[in-house]
Amino acid sequence: MPARELQQQLDTLREQLEQDPPLSLEEREHLQQLMQQIDAQIKLEAATQDNSLVDGVNLAVERFEVDHPGLTATLRNIVQSLQSMGI
């Protein structure tokens, strides 16, 4: 089930953030907001597309891919899960 996979990937992202990677306060807040949006989307299990969520995660991938490859890989997995859910 894609929603379960997405939740697992979100949990992985939380674990990575708990390891306190060198992020600025702004970067950390940005990721926290994205995680809250993803959490809300999982809970709603909406049947409609919400491209803004996928777009937001894609922007985070671009923002973090150079300095934080581990976070980027997890964010890419989240994008794939969202897309497979039709979001």
PDB file of N, CA and C in Angstrom:
ATOM      1  N   MET A   1       0.847  -1.179   0.000  1.00  0.00           N
ATOM      2  CA  MET A   1       0.000   0.000   0.000  1.00  0.00           C
ATOM      3  C   MET A   1       0.896   1.246   0.000  1.00  0.00           C
ATOM      4  N   PRO A   2       0.688   2.123  -0.975  1.00  0.00           N
ATOM      5  CA  PRO A   2       1.529   3.307  -1.085  1.00  0.00           C
ATOM      6  C   PRO A   2       1.474   4.225   0.137  1.00  0.00           C
ATOM      7  N   ALA A   3       0.324   4.376   0.766  1.00  0.00           N
ATOM      8  CA  ALA A   3       0.237   5.257   1.940  1.00  0.00           C
ATOM      9  C   ALA A   3       1.132   4.753   3.061  1.00  0.00           C
ATOM     10  N   ARG A   4       1.207   3.458   3.237  1.00  0.00           N
ATOM     11  CA  ARG A   4       2.069   2.886   4.277  1.00  0.00           C
ATOM     12  C   ARG A   4       3.536   3.128   3.940  1.00  0.00           C
ATOM     13  N   GLU A   5       3.881   2.967   2.665  1.00  0.00           N
ATOM     14  CA  GLU A   5       5.252   3.232   2.235  1.00  0.00           C
ATOM     15  C   GLU A   5       5.608   4.699   2.452  1.00  0.00           C
ATOM     16  N   LEU A   6       4.664   5.578   2.133  1.00  0.00           N
ATOM     17  CA  LEU A   6       4.898   7.000   2.333  1.00  0.00           C
ATOM     18  C   LEU A   6       5.109   7.304   3.808  1.00  0.00           C
ATOM     19  N   GLN A   7       4.317   6.682   4.672  1.00  0.00           N
ATOM     20  CA  GLN A   7       4.470   6.901   6.107  1.00  0.00           C
ATOM     21  C   GLN A   7       5.835   6.411   6.584  1.00  0.00           C
ATOM     22  N   GLN A   8       6.281   5.274   6.067  1.00  0.00           N
ATOM     23  CA  GLN A   8       7.593   4.748   6.443  1.00  0.00           C
ATOM     24  C   GLN A   8       8.707   5.699   6.002  1.00  0.00           C
ATOM     25  N   GLN A   9       8.579   6.255   4.810  1.00  0.00           N
ATOM     26  CA  GLN A   9       9.587   7.176   4.309  1.00  0.00           C
ATOM     27  C   GLN A   9       9.575   8.480   5.112  1.00  0.00           C
ATOM     28  N   LEU A  10       8.395   8.905   5.508  1.00  0.00           N
ATOM     29  CA  LEU A  10       8.289  10.096   6.339  1.00  0.00           C
ATOM     30  C   LEU A  10       8.936   9.847   7.700  1.00  0.00           C
ATOM     31  N   ASP A  11       8.728   8.661   8.242  1.00  0.00           N
ATOM     32  CA  ASP A  11       9.377   8.294   9.503  1.00  0.00           C
ATOM     33  C   ASP A  11      10.895   8.285   9.353  1.00  0.00           C
ATOM     34  N   THR A  12      11.380   7.794   8.212  1.00  0.00           N
ATOM     35  CA  THR A  12      12.820   7.789   7.940  1.00  0.00           C
ATOM     36  C   THR A  12      13.359   9.215   7.889  1.00  0.00           C
ATOM     37  N   LEU A  13      12.614  10.104   7.245  1.00  0.00           N
ATOM     38  CA  LEU A  13      13.030  11.506   7.182  1.00  0.00           C
ATOM     39  C   LEU A  13      13.083  12.108   8.580  1.00  0.00           C
ATOM     40  N   ARG A  14      12.109  11.799   9.412  1.00  0.00           N
ATOM     41  CA  ARG A  14      12.113  12.297  10.795  1.00  0.00           C
ATOM     42  C   ARG A  14      13.338  11.787  11.552  1.00  0.00           C
ATOM     43  N   GLU A  15      13.644  10.506  11.369  1.00  0.00           N
ATOM     44  CA  GLU A  15      14.813   9.931  12.031  1.00  0.00           C
ATOM     45  C   GLU A  15      16.094  10.621  11.578  1.00  0.00           C
ATOM     46  N   GLN A  16      16.182  10.908  10.288  1.00  0.00           N
ATOM     47  CA  GLN A  16      17.366  11.583   9.770  1.00  0.00           C
ATOM     48  C   GLN A  16      17.486  12.980  10.370  1.00  0.00           C
ATOM     49  N   LEU A  17      16.375  13.665  10.520  1.00  0.00           N
ATOM     50  CA  LEU A  17      16.407  15.004  11.106  1.00  0.00           C
ATOM     51  C   LEU A  17      16.754  14.953  12.588  1.00  0.00           C
ATOM     52  N   GLU A  18      16.371  13.880  13.266  1.00  0.00           N
ATOM     53  CA  GLU A  18      16.707  13.725  14.681  1.00  0.00           C
ATOM     54  C   GLU A  18      18.212  13.537  14.872  1.00  0.00           C
ATOM     55  N   GLN A  19      18.892  13.079  13.837  1.00  0.00           N
ATOM     56  CA  GLN A  19      20.347  12.917  13.914  1.00  0.00           C
ATOM     57  C   GLN A  19      21.041  14.270  13.777  1.00  0.00           C
ATOM     58  N   ASP A  20      20.248  15.318  13.668  1.00  0.00           N
ATOM     59  CA  ASP A  20      20.722  16.698  13.678  1.00  0.00           C
ATOM     60  C   ASP A  20      21.739  16.993  12.573  1.00  0.00           C
ATOM     61  N   PRO A  21      21.312  16.815  11.290  1.00  0.00           N
ATOM     62  CA  PRO A  21      22.231  17.190  10.216  1.00  0.00           C
ATOM     63  C   PRO A  21      22.436  18.707  10.235  1.00  0.00           C
ATOM     64  N   PRO A  22      23.523  19.179   9.641  1.00  0.00           N
ATOM     65  CA  PRO A  22      23.815  20.613   9.689  1.00  0.00           C
ATOM     66  C   PRO A  22      22.874  21.414   8.787  1.00  0.00           C
ATOM     67  N   LEU A  23      21.701  21.731   9.302  1.00  0.00           N
ATOM     68  CA  LEU A  23      20.714  22.516   8.572  1.00  0.00           C
ATOM     69  C   LEU A  23      20.513  23.848   9.278  1.00  0.00           C
ATOM     70  N   SER A  24      20.209  24.849   8.494  1.00  0.00           N
ATOM     71  CA  SER A  24      19.874  26.133   9.105  1.00  0.00           C
ATOM     72  C   SER A  24      18.481  26.035   9.708  1.00  0.00           C
ATOM     73  N   LEU A  25      18.134  26.978  10.547  1.00  0.00           N
ATOM     74  CA  LEU A  25      16.807  27.000  11.155  1.00  0.00           C
ATOM     75  C   LEU A  25      15.743  27.099  10.071  1.00  0.00           C
ATOM     76  N   GLU A  26      15.999  27.888   9.051  1.00  0.00           N
ATOM     77  CA  GLU A  26      15.049  28.042   7.949  1.00  0.00           C
ATOM     78  C   GLU A  26      14.852  26.715   7.205  1.00  0.00           C
ATOM     79  N   GLU A  27      15.939  26.014   6.931  1.00  0.00           N
ATOM     80  CA  GLU A  27      15.844  24.728   6.233  1.00  0.00           C
ATOM     81  C   GLU A  27      15.079  23.714   7.073  1.00  0.00           C
ATOM     82  N   ARG A  28      15.371  23.681   8.361  1.00  0.00           N
ATOM     83  CA  ARG A  28      14.701  22.755   9.259  1.00  0.00           C
ATOM     84  C   ARG A  28      13.193  23.064   9.328  1.00  0.00           C
ATOM     85  N   GLU A  29      12.850  24.341   9.416  1.00  0.00           N
ATOM     86  CA  GLU A  29      11.437  24.734   9.453  1.00  0.00           C
ATOM     87  C   GLU A  29      10.737  24.365   8.159  1.00  0.00           C
ATOM     88  N   HIS A  30      11.435  24.550   7.032  1.00  0.00           N
ATOM     89  CA  HIS A  30      10.867  24.198   5.728  1.00  0.00           C
ATOM     90  C   HIS A  30      10.528  22.700   5.681  1.00  0.00           C
ATOM     91  N   LEU A  31      11.469  21.879   6.116  1.00  0.00           N
ATOM     92  CA  LEU A  31      11.217  20.429   6.124  1.00  0.00           C
ATOM     93  C   LEU A  31      10.109  20.062   7.097  1.00  0.00           C
ATOM     94  N   GLN A  32      10.044  20.718   8.240  1.00  0.00           N
ATOM     95  CA  GLN A  32       8.977  20.446   9.211  1.00  0.00           C
ATOM     96  C   GLN A  32       7.612  20.755   8.600  1.00  0.00           C
ATOM     97  N   GLN A  33       7.516  21.866   7.877  1.00  0.00           N
ATOM     98  CA  GLN A  33       6.259  22.225   7.232  1.00  0.00           C
ATOM     99  C   GLN A  33       5.872  21.189   6.182  1.00  0.00           C
ATOM    100  N   LEU A  34       6.849  20.760   5.390  1.00  0.00           N
ATOM    101  CA  LEU A  34       6.566  19.726   4.390  1.00  0.00           C
ATOM    102  C   LEU A  34       6.095  18.436   5.047  1.00  0.00           C
ATOM    103  N   MET A  35       6.738  18.057   6.140  1.00  0.00           N
ATOM    104  CA  MET A  35       6.344  16.820   6.826  1.00  0.00           C
ATOM    105  C   MET A  35       4.929  16.942   7.381  1.00  0.00           C
ATOM    106  N   GLN A  36       4.562  18.112   7.869  1.00  0.00           N
ATOM    107  CA  GLN A  36       3.202  18.312   8.358  1.00  0.00           C
ATOM    108  C   GLN A  36       2.191  18.192   7.219  1.00  0.00           C
ATOM    109  N   GLN A  37       2.531  18.743   6.062  1.00  0.00           N
ATOM    110  CA  GLN A  37       1.645  18.640   4.902  1.00  0.00           C
ATOM    111  C   GLN A  37       1.494  17.188   4.453  1.00  0.00           C
ATOM    112  N   ILE A  38       2.608  16.472   4.462  1.00  0.00           N
ATOM    113  CA  ILE A  38       2.563  15.061   4.059  1.00  0.00           C
ATOM    114  C   ILE A  38       1.732  14.269   5.059  1.00  0.00           C
ATOM    115  N   ASP A  39       1.932  14.527   6.343  1.00  0.00           N
ATOM    116  CA  ASP A  39       1.128  13.869   7.380  1.00  0.00           C
ATOM    117  C   ASP A  39      -0.352  14.118   7.159  1.00  0.00           C
ATOM    118  N   ALA A  40      -0.699  15.362   6.883  1.00  0.00           N
ATOM    119  CA  ALA A  40      -2.103  15.710   6.655  1.00  0.00           C
ATOM    120  C   ALA A  40      -2.650  14.977   5.435  1.00  0.00           C
ATOM    121  N   GLN A  41      -1.830  14.883   4.408  1.00  0.00           N
ATOM    122  CA  GLN A  41      -2.270  14.197   3.192  1.00  0.00           C
ATOM    123  C   GLN A  41      -2.489  12.709   3.450  1.00  0.00           C
ATOM    124  N   ILE A  42      -1.613  12.117   4.220  1.00  0.00           N
ATOM    125  CA  ILE A  42      -1.767  10.693   4.547  1.00  0.00           C
ATOM    126  C   ILE A  42      -3.066  10.481   5.306  1.00  0.00           C
ATOM    127  N   LYS A  43      -3.343  11.342   6.275  1.00  0.00           N
ATOM    128  CA  LYS A  43      -4.547  11.203   7.089  1.00  0.00           C
ATOM    129  C   LYS A  43      -5.804  11.395   6.267  1.00  0.00           C
ATOM    130  N   LEU A  44      -5.775  12.295   5.333  1.00  0.00           N
ATOM    131  CA  LEU A  44      -6.949  12.543   4.499  1.00  0.00           C
ATOM    132  C   LEU A  44      -7.179  11.438   3.476  1.00  0.00           C
ATOM    133  N   GLU A  45      -6.061  10.842   3.023  1.00  0.00           N
ATOM    134  CA  GLU A  45      -6.120   9.830   1.961  1.00  0.00           C
ATOM    135  C   GLU A  45      -7.000  10.323   0.822  1.00  0.00           C
ATOM    136  N   ALA A  46      -6.724  11.558   0.430  1.00  0.00           N
ATOM    137  CA  ALA A  46      -7.549  12.214  -0.586  1.00  0.00           C
ATOM    138  C   ALA A  46      -7.446  11.509  -1.927  1.00  0.00           C
ATOM    139  N   ALA A  47      -8.554  11.465  -2.620  1.00  0.00           N
ATOM    140  CA  ALA A  47      -8.583  10.856  -3.943  1.00  0.00           C
ATOM    141  C   ALA A  47      -8.237  11.871  -5.024  1.00  0.00           C
ATOM    142  N   THR A  48      -8.229  13.137  -4.677  1.00  0.00           N
ATOM    143  CA  THR A  48      -7.923  14.170  -5.658  1.00  0.00           C
ATOM    144  C   THR A  48      -6.432  14.455  -5.667  1.00  0.00           C
ATOM    145  N   GLN A  49      -5.972  14.989  -6.766  1.00  0.00           N
ATOM    146  CA  GLN A  49      -4.561  15.337  -6.877  1.00  0.00           C
ATOM    147  C   GLN A  49      -4.275  16.630  -6.143  1.00  0.00           C
ATOM    148  N   ASP A  50      -3.121  16.676  -5.487  1.00  0.00           N
ATOM    149  CA  ASP A  50      -2.640  17.892  -4.845  1.00  0.00           C
ATOM    150  C   ASP A  50      -1.207  18.108  -5.307  1.00  0.00           C
ATOM    151  N   ASN A  51      -1.089  18.706  -6.484  1.00  0.00           N
ATOM    152  CA  ASN A  51       0.238  18.896  -7.072  1.00  0.00           C
ATOM    153  C   ASN A  51       1.111  19.823  -6.258  1.00  0.00           C
ATOM    154  N   SER A  52       0.508  20.687  -5.461  1.00  0.00           N
ATOM    155  CA  SER A  52       1.326  21.624  -4.686  1.00  0.00           C
ATOM    156  C   SER A  52       2.193  20.882  -3.669  1.00  0.00           C
ATOM    157  N   LEU A  53       1.703  19.786  -3.117  1.00  0.00           N
ATOM    158  CA  LEU A  53       2.489  19.001  -2.170  1.00  0.00           C
ATOM    159  C   LEU A  53       3.681  18.370  -2.878  1.00  0.00           C
ATOM    160  N   VAL A  54       3.435  17.737  -4.014  1.00  0.00           N
ATOM    161  CA  VAL A  54       4.519  17.125  -4.779  1.00  0.00           C
ATOM    162  C   VAL A  54       5.507  18.196  -5.224  1.00  0.00           C
ATOM    163  N   ASP A  55       4.988  19.334  -5.661  1.00  0.00           N
ATOM    164  CA  ASP A  55       5.870  20.421  -6.079  1.00  0.00           C
ATOM    165  C   ASP A  55       6.742  20.899  -4.917  1.00  0.00           C
ATOM    166  N   GLY A  56       6.153  20.993  -3.731  1.00  0.00           N
ATOM    167  CA  GLY A  56       6.907  21.424  -2.560  1.00  0.00           C
ATOM    168  C   GLY A  56       8.014  20.457  -2.205  1.00  0.00           C
ATOM    169  N   VAL A  57       7.723  19.168  -2.305  1.00  0.00           N
ATOM    170  CA  VAL A  57       8.747  18.166  -2.000  1.00  0.00           C
ATOM    171  C   VAL A  57       9.829  18.192  -3.083  1.00  0.00           C
ATOM    172  N   ASN A  58       9.426  18.362  -4.336  1.00  0.00           N
ATOM    173  CA  ASN A  58      10.421  18.460  -5.418  1.00  0.00           C
ATOM    174  C   ASN A  58      11.335  19.666  -5.225  1.00  0.00           C
ATOM    175  N   LEU A  59      10.778  20.778  -4.786  1.00  0.00           N
ATOM    176  CA  LEU A  59      11.607  21.950  -4.513  1.00  0.00           C
ATOM    177  C   LEU A  59      12.597  21.666  -3.380  1.00  0.00           C
ATOM    178  N   ALA A  60      12.143  20.917  -2.374  1.00  0.00           N
ATOM    179  CA  ALA A  60      13.042  20.554  -1.273  1.00  0.00           C
ATOM    180  C   ALA A  60      14.171  19.660  -1.783  1.00  0.00           C
ATOM    181  N   VAL A  61      13.854  18.760  -2.711  1.00  0.00           N
ATOM    182  CA  VAL A  61      14.890  17.898  -3.297  1.00  0.00           C
ATOM    183  C   VAL A  61      15.958  18.771  -3.953  1.00  0.00           C
ATOM    184  N   GLU A  62      15.516  19.735  -4.743  1.00  0.00           N
ATOM    185  CA  GLU A  62      16.470  20.614  -5.415  1.00  0.00           C
ATOM    186  C   GLU A  62      17.295  21.411  -4.406  1.00  0.00           C
ATOM    187  N   ARG A  63      16.648  21.832  -3.352  1.00  0.00           N
ATOM    188  CA  ARG A  63      17.318  22.685  -2.360  1.00  0.00           C
ATOM    189  C   ARG A  63      18.387  21.929  -1.567  1.00  0.00           C
ATOM    190  N   PHE A  64      18.137  20.663  -1.272  1.00  0.00           N
ATOM    191  CA  PHE A  64      19.010  19.917  -0.377  1.00  0.00           C
ATOM    192  C   PHE A  64      19.942  18.925  -1.072  1.00  0.00           C
ATOM    193  N   GLU A  65      19.797  18.717  -2.393  1.00  0.00           N
ATOM    194  CA  GLU A  65      20.529  17.625  -3.020  1.00  0.00           C
ATOM    195  C   GLU A  65      22.046  17.775  -2.981  1.00  0.00           C
ATOM    196  N   VAL A  66      22.572  18.962  -2.990  1.00  0.00           N
ATOM    197  CA  VAL A  66      24.023  19.136  -2.994  1.00  0.00           C
ATOM    198  C   VAL A  66      24.609  18.892  -1.607  1.00  0.00           C
ATOM    199  N   ASP A  67      24.017  19.501  -0.598  1.00  0.00           N
ATOM    200  CA  ASP A  67      24.608  19.454   0.741  1.00  0.00           C
ATOM    201  C   ASP A  67      24.095  18.316   1.622  1.00  0.00           C
ATOM    202  N   HIS A  68      22.937  17.760   1.286  1.00  0.00           N
ATOM    203  CA  HIS A  68      22.334  16.742   2.152  1.00  0.00           C
ATOM    204  C   HIS A  68      21.779  15.585   1.310  1.00  0.00           C
ATOM    205  N   PRO A  69      22.662  14.766   0.739  1.00  0.00           N
ATOM    206  CA  PRO A  69      22.210  13.700  -0.152  1.00  0.00           C
ATOM    207  C   PRO A  69      21.313  12.660   0.521  1.00  0.00           C
ATOM    208  N   GLY A  70      21.521  12.404   1.805  1.00  0.00           N
ATOM    209  CA  GLY A  70      20.668  11.437   2.499  1.00  0.00           C
ATOM    210  C   GLY A  70      19.233  11.915   2.587  1.00  0.00           C
ATOM    211  N   LEU A  71      19.051  13.180   2.939  1.00  0.00           N
ATOM    212  CA  LEU A  71      17.708  13.761   2.987  1.00  0.00           C
ATOM    213  C   LEU A  71      17.088  13.769   1.598  1.00  0.00           C
ATOM    214  N   THR A  72      17.895  14.093   0.609  1.00  0.00           N
ATOM    215  CA  THR A  72      17.409  14.165  -0.768  1.00  0.00           C
ATOM    216  C   THR A  72      16.885  12.810  -1.243  1.00  0.00           C
ATOM    217  N   ALA A  73      17.595  11.756  -0.941  1.00  0.00           N
ATOM    218  CA  ALA A  73      17.153  10.418  -1.360  1.00  0.00           C
ATOM    219  C   ALA A  73      15.806  10.085  -0.728  1.00  0.00           C
ATOM    220  N   THR A  74      15.644  10.403   0.542  1.00  0.00           N
ATOM    221  CA  THR A  74      14.377  10.127   1.216  1.00  0.00           C
ATOM    222  C   THR A  74      13.263  10.985   0.630  1.00  0.00           C
ATOM    223  N   LEU A  75      13.553  12.247   0.366  1.00  0.00           N
ATOM    224  CA  LEU A  75      12.544  13.119  -0.235  1.00  0.00           C
ATOM    225  C   LEU A  75      12.132  12.622  -1.625  1.00  0.00           C
ATOM    226  N   ARG A  76      13.088  12.124  -2.384  1.00  0.00           N
ATOM    227  CA  ARG A  76      12.750  11.569  -3.711  1.00  0.00           C
ATOM    228  C   ARG A  76      11.834  10.352  -3.575  1.00  0.00           C
ATOM    229  N   ASN A  77      12.094   9.510  -2.580  1.00  0.00           N
ATOM    230  CA  ASN A  77      11.222   8.368  -2.344  1.00  0.00           C
ATOM    231  C   ASN A  77       9.816   8.825  -1.983  1.00  0.00           C
ATOM    232  N   ILE A  78       9.734   9.912  -1.216  1.00  0.00           N
ATOM    233  CA  ILE A  78       8.426  10.457  -0.850  1.00  0.00           C
ATOM    234  C   ILE A  78       7.696  10.937  -2.098  1.00  0.00           C
ATOM    235  N   VAL A  79       8.392  11.619  -3.000  1.00  0.00           N
ATOM    236  CA  VAL A  79       7.772  12.078  -4.249  1.00  0.00           C
ATOM    237  C   VAL A  79       7.232  10.892  -5.031  1.00  0.00           C
ATOM    238  N   GLN A  80       8.023   9.829  -5.132  1.00  0.00           N
ATOM    239  CA  GLN A  80       7.572   8.643  -5.868  1.00  0.00           C
ATOM    240  C   GLN A  80       6.336   8.033  -5.233  1.00  0.00           C
ATOM    241  N   SER A  81       6.306   7.983  -3.908  1.00  0.00           N
ATOM    242  CA  SER A  81       5.145   7.431  -3.222  1.00  0.00           C
ATOM    243  C   SER A  81       3.908   8.290  -3.447  1.00  0.00           C
ATOM    244  N   LEU A  82       4.101   9.602  -3.351  1.00  0.00           N
ATOM    245  CA  LEU A  82       2.969  10.509  -3.602  1.00  0.00           C
ATOM    246  C   LEU A  82       2.429  10.318  -5.013  1.00  0.00           C
ATOM    247  N   GLN A  83       3.330  10.215  -5.971  1.00  0.00           N
ATOM    248  CA  GLN A  83       2.908  10.040  -7.357  1.00  0.00           C
ATOM    249  C   GLN A  83       2.209   8.698  -7.556  1.00  0.00           C
ATOM    250  N   SER A  84       2.681   7.660  -6.901  1.00  0.00           N
ATOM    251  CA  SER A  84       2.031   6.360  -7.057  1.00  0.00           C
ATOM    252  C   SER A  84       0.662   6.336  -6.386  1.00  0.00           C
ATOM    253  N   MET A  85       0.464   7.237  -5.428  1.00  0.00           N
ATOM    254  CA  MET A  85      -0.843   7.364  -4.772  1.00  0.00           C
ATOM    255  C   MET A  85      -1.778   8.223  -5.601  1.00  0.00           C
ATOM    256  N   GLY A  86      -1.254   8.833  -6.669  1.00  0.00           N
ATOM    257  CA  GLY A  86      -2.065   9.690  -7.509  1.00  0.00           C
ATOM    258  C   GLY A  86      -2.180  11.104  -6.970  1.00  0.00           C
ATOM    259  N   ILE A  87      -1.224  11.471  -6.121  1.00  0.00           N
ATOM    260  CA  ILE A  87      -1.263  12.813  -5.527  1.00  0.00           C
ATOM    261  C   ILE A  87      -0.349  13.733  -6.300  1.00  0.00           C
TER     262      ILE A  87
END
